[in-house]
Amino acid sequence: MTRIVYLNGDWLPEAEAKVSIFDRGFLFADAIYEVTAVVGGRLLEYAGHAARLQRSTAELGITCPLTPEALLEVHREIIRRNALESGLIYLQISRGTADRDFAYPENPTPTLTLFTQAKSVLENPKVATGISVACVPDERWGRRDIKTVQLLYPSMAKMEAMAKGADDAWLVEDGFVTEASSATAHIITRDGRLVTRGLSNAILHGITRASVLSIAETAGIPFEERAFTPDEAMKAAEAFITSATNFVLPVTAIDGHTVGDGKPGPLTLRLRELYIKQKLADAI
C-alpha cells in the first residue's frame, strides 16, 4: 500500500511528495527531526518529543508552522490515513527554501513533512540476545543536544561498527562514552547502580532516557548521571541503550568483550518491562 505523507499542509501519496532542491535541509542539513513510536494506533511519549522539537527549533531559530494542537492532530491524522497500528512517525522541519547562501534567508517559510514506517516496535528479536557494540571516536559537531538531521557521521560510525562485526557503535570522546549512533548508552555496575551520562551539549537529551531514569527512581533502583569509560562498561554487570525506536535494548558485548554473563541482564529487562507497561498506559 502506498503511504500517505504530510507535506506543508497537503496529504499526498509518497511518490507525489516533492521538496525543492533549494531547501536548506537538503543543502545545509538545516533541519530538525523527531521520531515517535506508535503502538496500537496510539502515540508513545508524544509530549516529550513535542517539547524537544520546540527546544530544537528554538535553538536554530526555526518556527514550526503549526500550533502544538494542530501538530498533534497531524500525527493522529497520519496514523488514521495509513491505518498504522505499530511503527514510527518521522517528522522533519527545515528552515525552508532559498537560494544557496551560508547566511540564513530573511523570513523563510519552513518545510514541514511527516511520514510513517510500519514495523513491530514491541517485538524486537534482539531483546532476547542483546546487541554488540564497537567503540568509535566521536567526531560529530558540538551541539548534539539539538536533534538536527546532521547524521552522516553517526551513519559512518555505525557502518564502521558493522564492518567490525558489531550491531552498533558507541561513540567515545576524551576517553568517555558519549552515546550510541542513535541512542543513549547506559551501564549497570556490579553493585546494581544505573549509570548514564549527564545532560549537556555533548549528547542528545533522550526522551526515553528521561523516562527510564524516572522509572528507576520510582522502582527504587539507584542511579547516577556521570560519564563512564569503555573499560568501565566492559566490566559492568549489564549495559543497554534507550531510544524511541528500541525502548530499552540490552548490550551484551563491547569491542568483543562480553558484558556480564553475555546475556541480557535482569535489571535491563525489568526496566524494559516497566517502561513498556507505563508508556502503553500513557499512550494517546
Protein backbone atom coordinates (compact mmCIF):
# COMPACT_ATOMS: atom_id res chain seq x y z
CA MET A 1 0.00 0.00 0.00
CA THR A 2 1.30 3.45 -0.89
CA ARG A 3 1.89 5.60 2.14
CA ILE A 4 0.16 8.93 2.53
CA VAL A 5 2.58 11.60 3.71
CA TYR A 6 2.14 15.13 5.02
CA LEU A 7 3.96 17.97 3.27
CA ASN A 8 3.33 21.63 4.09
CA GLY A 9 -0.38 21.21 4.75
CA ASP A 10 -1.07 18.68 1.97
CA TRP A 11 -1.77 14.96 2.21
CA LEU A 12 -0.09 13.21 -0.72
CA PRO A 13 0.83 9.73 -1.94
CA GLU A 14 4.51 9.32 -1.13
CA ALA A 15 5.50 9.30 -4.82
CA GLU A 16 3.95 12.75 -5.28
CA ALA A 17 5.63 14.44 -2.31
CA LYS A 18 8.41 16.71 -3.60
CA VAL A 19 10.75 19.15 -1.86
CA SER A 20 12.78 21.81 -3.68
CA ILE A 21 16.47 21.19 -4.36
CA PHE A 22 16.97 24.64 -2.79
CA ASP A 23 15.55 23.53 0.54
CA ARG A 24 18.13 24.26 3.25
CA GLY A 25 17.52 20.86 4.79
CA PHE A 26 18.90 19.38 1.56
CA LEU A 27 21.72 21.90 1.05
CA PHE A 28 22.89 22.52 4.62
CA ALA A 29 21.25 19.87 6.86
CA ASP A 30 19.49 22.94 8.27
CA ALA A 31 16.62 20.96 9.76
CA ILE A 32 15.27 19.31 12.89
CA TYR A 33 13.63 15.90 13.18
CA GLU A 34 11.75 13.77 15.70
CA VAL A 35 10.63 10.14 15.67
CA THR A 36 7.61 8.99 17.68
CA ALA A 37 6.66 5.36 18.22
CA VAL A 38 3.12 4.11 17.62
CA VAL A 39 1.67 1.03 19.29
CA GLY A 40 -1.96 0.02 18.92
CA GLY A 41 -2.57 3.11 16.81
CA ARG A 42 -1.55 5.39 19.68
CA LEU A 43 1.43 7.70 20.20
CA LEU A 44 4.07 6.86 22.82
CA GLU A 45 5.91 9.64 24.65
CA TYR A 46 4.41 12.29 22.36
CA ALA A 47 4.58 15.13 24.90
CA GLY A 48 8.31 14.62 25.37
CA HIS A 49 9.03 14.56 21.65
CA ALA A 50 6.88 17.65 21.05
CA ALA A 51 8.70 19.54 23.82
CA ARG A 52 12.12 18.56 22.48
CA LEU A 53 11.03 19.62 18.99
CA GLN A 54 10.17 23.08 20.31
CA ARG A 55 13.52 23.30 22.07
CA SER A 56 15.49 22.23 19.00
CA THR A 57 13.70 24.57 16.63
CA ALA A 58 14.15 27.45 19.09
CA GLU A 59 17.89 26.77 19.25
CA LEU A 60 18.11 27.09 15.46
CA GLY A 61 15.61 29.91 15.13
CA ILE A 62 13.18 27.84 13.08
CA THR A 63 9.46 28.38 13.66
CA CYS A 64 7.10 25.43 13.45
CA PRO A 65 4.28 26.39 11.05
CA LEU A 66 1.67 24.57 13.17
CA THR A 67 0.40 25.20 16.68
CA PRO A 68 1.08 22.41 19.21
CA GLU A 69 -2.58 21.37 18.99
CA ALA A 70 -2.54 21.26 15.19
CA LEU A 71 0.72 19.29 15.16
CA LEU A 72 -0.76 16.65 17.44
CA GLU A 73 -3.79 16.39 15.16
CA VAL A 74 -1.48 15.88 12.15
CA HIS A 75 0.18 12.99 13.99
CA ARG A 76 -3.21 11.44 14.70
CA GLU A 77 -4.38 12.01 11.13
CA ILE A 78 -1.32 10.38 9.59
CA ILE A 79 -1.99 7.33 11.76
CA ARG A 80 -5.56 7.22 10.50
CA ARG A 81 -4.72 7.76 6.83
CA ASN A 82 -2.12 4.98 6.88
CA ALA A 83 -4.02 2.64 9.21
CA LEU A 84 -0.83 2.49 11.28
CA GLU A 85 -1.13 0.07 14.18
CA SER A 86 2.54 -0.30 15.02
CA GLY A 87 5.56 1.62 13.80
CA LEU A 88 7.09 5.08 13.72
CA ILE A 89 6.23 8.60 12.66
CA TYR A 90 9.12 10.63 11.30
CA LEU A 91 8.78 14.43 11.41
CA GLN A 92 11.17 16.93 9.86
CA ILE A 93 11.18 20.73 9.82
CA SER A 94 13.73 22.56 7.70
CA ARG A 95 14.32 26.30 7.61
CA GLY A 96 12.79 26.30 4.14
CA THR A 97 13.72 27.15 0.57
CA ALA A 98 16.13 29.89 -0.51
CA ASP A 99 18.95 30.34 -2.99
CA ARG A 100 22.13 28.75 -1.65
CA ASP A 101 23.85 31.04 0.85
CA PHE A 102 25.51 30.35 4.18
CA ALA A 103 23.62 33.29 5.67
CA TYR A 104 20.07 32.47 6.73
CA PRO A 105 17.33 33.82 4.46
CA GLU A 106 15.03 36.51 5.84
CA ASN A 107 11.53 35.34 6.83
CA PRO A 108 11.80 31.86 5.30
CA THR A 109 8.78 29.54 5.12
CA PRO A 110 9.71 26.30 6.91
CA THR A 111 9.24 22.95 5.19
CA LEU A 112 7.31 20.51 7.37
CA THR A 113 6.89 16.88 6.45
CA LEU A 114 5.81 13.69 8.22
CA PHE A 115 5.76 10.08 7.08
CA THR A 116 5.11 6.70 8.69
CA GLN A 117 7.11 3.48 8.87
CA ALA A 118 5.15 0.33 9.71
CA LYS A 119 7.07 -2.12 11.92
CA SER A 120 6.61 -4.13 15.08
CA VAL A 121 8.32 -1.94 17.65
CA LEU A 122 7.46 -4.20 20.59
CA GLU A 123 8.68 -7.48 19.11
CA ASN A 124 12.42 -6.92 18.71
CA PRO A 125 14.32 -10.23 18.43
CA LYS A 126 17.47 -8.53 19.74
CA VAL A 127 15.87 -8.23 23.18
CA ALA A 128 16.42 -11.96 23.70
CA THR A 129 20.09 -11.91 22.69
CA GLY A 130 21.24 -8.35 23.21
CA ILE A 131 23.32 -6.39 20.72
CA SER A 132 27.06 -5.95 20.33
CA VAL A 133 28.67 -2.54 20.03
CA ALA A 134 32.06 -1.31 18.86
CA CYS A 135 33.65 1.87 20.17
CA VAL A 136 34.30 4.55 17.54
CA PRO A 137 35.74 8.06 18.02
CA ASP A 138 33.04 10.72 18.36
CA GLU A 139 33.72 13.29 15.65
CA ARG A 140 30.31 14.96 15.44
CA TRP A 141 29.67 18.69 15.80
CA GLY A 142 29.46 20.17 19.29
CA ARG A 143 25.69 20.79 19.59
CA ARG A 144 24.45 17.24 19.84
CA ASP A 145 21.70 18.38 22.18
CA ILE A 146 19.90 19.79 19.12
CA LYS A 147 18.20 16.99 17.17
CA THR A 148 19.35 18.04 13.71
CA VAL A 149 19.45 15.93 10.56
CA GLN A 150 23.27 16.11 10.56
CA LEU A 151 23.50 12.32 10.74
CA LEU A 152 26.27 11.49 8.29
CA TYR A 153 28.94 10.84 10.91
CA PRO A 154 26.69 8.66 13.10
CA SER A 155 25.85 6.69 9.95
CA MET A 156 29.57 6.32 9.17
CA ALA A 157 30.25 5.25 12.75
CA LYS A 158 27.53 2.60 12.58
CA MET A 159 28.90 1.30 9.29
CA GLU A 160 32.39 1.12 10.84
CA ALA A 161 30.99 -0.82 13.79
CA MET A 162 29.15 -3.20 11.49
CA ALA A 163 32.34 -3.75 9.48
CA LYS A 164 33.88 -4.91 12.77
CA GLY A 165 31.06 -7.39 13.23
CA ALA A 166 29.08 -5.34 15.76
CA ASP A 167 25.46 -4.23 15.61
CA ASP A 168 26.02 -0.59 16.54
CA ALA A 169 28.62 1.98 17.59
CA TRP A 170 29.28 3.58 20.94
CA LEU A 171 30.90 6.96 20.36
CA VAL A 172 33.87 7.91 22.51
CA GLU A 173 35.24 11.39 23.20
CA ASP A 174 38.13 12.27 25.55
CA GLY A 175 38.13 8.70 26.78
CA PHE A 176 34.43 8.61 27.75
CA VAL A 177 31.36 7.18 26.04
CA THR A 178 29.02 9.90 24.81
CA GLU A 179 26.18 7.86 23.27
CA ALA A 180 25.35 5.27 20.62
CA SER A 181 24.95 6.16 16.94
CA SER A 182 21.27 6.95 17.52
CA ALA A 183 20.55 6.09 21.15
CA THR A 184 21.58 6.77 24.75
CA ALA A 185 24.19 4.50 26.34
CA HIS A 186 23.79 3.10 29.88
CA ILE A 187 25.55 0.63 32.16
CA ILE A 188 24.63 -1.10 35.40
CA THR A 189 27.51 -1.51 37.83
CA ARG A 190 28.31 -4.68 39.76
CA ASP A 191 26.55 -3.23 42.81
CA GLY A 192 23.33 -2.64 40.84
CA ARG A 193 23.64 1.09 40.16
CA LEU A 194 22.41 2.50 36.86
CA VAL A 195 24.91 4.92 35.29
CA THR A 196 24.21 7.20 32.36
CA ARG A 197 25.95 10.31 31.12
CA GLY A 198 24.62 13.64 32.42
CA LEU A 199 22.86 16.06 30.11
CA SER A 200 24.98 18.61 28.24
CA ASN A 201 25.64 19.75 24.69
CA ALA A 202 27.64 16.53 24.23
CA ILE A 203 24.61 14.26 23.96
CA LEU A 204 21.02 14.33 22.80
CA HIS A 205 18.57 14.80 25.65
CA GLY A 206 16.86 11.47 25.18
CA ILE A 207 13.13 11.24 25.85
CA THR A 208 13.36 7.51 26.62
CA ARG A 209 16.42 8.20 28.78
CA ALA A 210 14.45 10.63 30.94
CA SER A 211 11.57 8.17 31.32
CA VAL A 212 13.88 5.31 32.29
CA LEU A 213 15.53 7.41 35.00
CA SER A 214 12.11 8.39 36.33
CA ILE A 215 11.06 4.73 36.35
CA ALA A 216 14.28 3.74 38.10
CA GLU A 217 13.66 6.34 40.80
CA THR A 218 10.11 5.11 41.37
CA ALA A 219 11.26 1.49 41.45
CA GLY A 220 14.00 2.24 43.96
CA ILE A 221 16.82 1.49 41.53
CA PRO A 222 19.83 3.69 42.39
CA PHE A 223 21.30 5.69 39.55
CA GLU A 224 23.83 8.40 38.86
CA GLU A 225 24.38 10.71 35.93
CA ARG A 226 28.05 10.77 35.01
CA ALA A 227 30.36 9.83 32.19
CA PHE A 228 31.84 6.34 32.02
CA THR A 229 34.70 4.83 30.04
CA PRO A 230 34.54 1.92 27.61
CA ASP A 231 36.67 -0.09 30.07
CA GLU A 232 34.17 0.52 32.88
CA ALA A 233 31.36 -0.50 30.55
CA MET A 234 33.12 -3.75 29.64
CA LYS A 235 33.48 -4.59 33.35
CA ALA A 236 29.88 -3.66 34.18
CA ALA A 237 27.23 -6.18 35.17
CA GLU A 238 24.90 -5.04 32.40
CA ALA A 239 24.67 -2.49 29.61
CA PHE A 240 21.87 -1.22 27.42
CA ILE A 241 20.72 1.53 25.09
CA THR A 242 17.50 3.53 25.05
CA SER A 243 15.71 5.24 22.17
CA ALA A 244 12.24 5.86 20.78
CA THR A 245 12.69 3.01 18.30
CA ASN A 246 14.29 0.44 20.62
CA PHE A 247 12.83 1.40 24.01
CA VAL A 248 15.30 -0.41 26.32
CA LEU A 249 17.63 -2.77 24.45
CA PRO A 250 20.36 -4.91 26.10
CA VAL A 251 24.03 -4.65 25.12
CA THR A 252 25.87 -7.93 25.70
CA ALA A 253 29.26 -7.25 24.09
CA ILE A 254 31.52 -4.21 23.73
CA ASP A 255 34.52 -4.33 21.41
CA GLY A 256 34.36 -8.12 21.52
CA HIS A 257 34.34 -8.24 25.32
CA THR A 258 31.37 -9.97 26.95
CA VAL A 259 29.31 -7.80 29.30
CA GLY A 260 28.31 -9.67 32.45
CA ASP A 261 27.46 -13.25 31.57
CA GLY A 262 26.84 -12.39 27.93
CA LYS A 263 23.06 -12.48 28.29
CA PRO A 264 20.55 -9.63 28.62
CA GLY A 265 20.70 -8.59 32.27
CA PRO A 266 17.76 -8.92 34.67
CA LEU A 267 17.71 -5.25 35.63
CA THR A 268 17.79 -4.19 31.97
CA LEU A 269 14.88 -6.46 31.17
CA ARG A 270 12.99 -5.22 34.21
CA LEU A 271 13.45 -1.61 33.11
CA ARG A 272 12.24 -2.53 29.63
CA GLU A 273 9.15 -4.22 31.04
CA LEU A 274 8.36 -1.29 33.34
CA TYR A 275 8.95 1.22 30.55
CA ILE A 276 6.66 -0.53 28.07
CA LYS A 277 3.94 -1.04 30.67
CA GLN A 278 3.97 2.61 31.70
CA LYS A 279 4.20 4.08 28.20
CA LEU A 280 1.45 1.90 26.80
CA ALA A 281 -0.77 3.02 29.67
CA ASP A 282 0.06 6.68 28.95
CA ALA A 283 -0.17 6.48 25.14
CA ILE A 284 -2.50 8.95 23.41
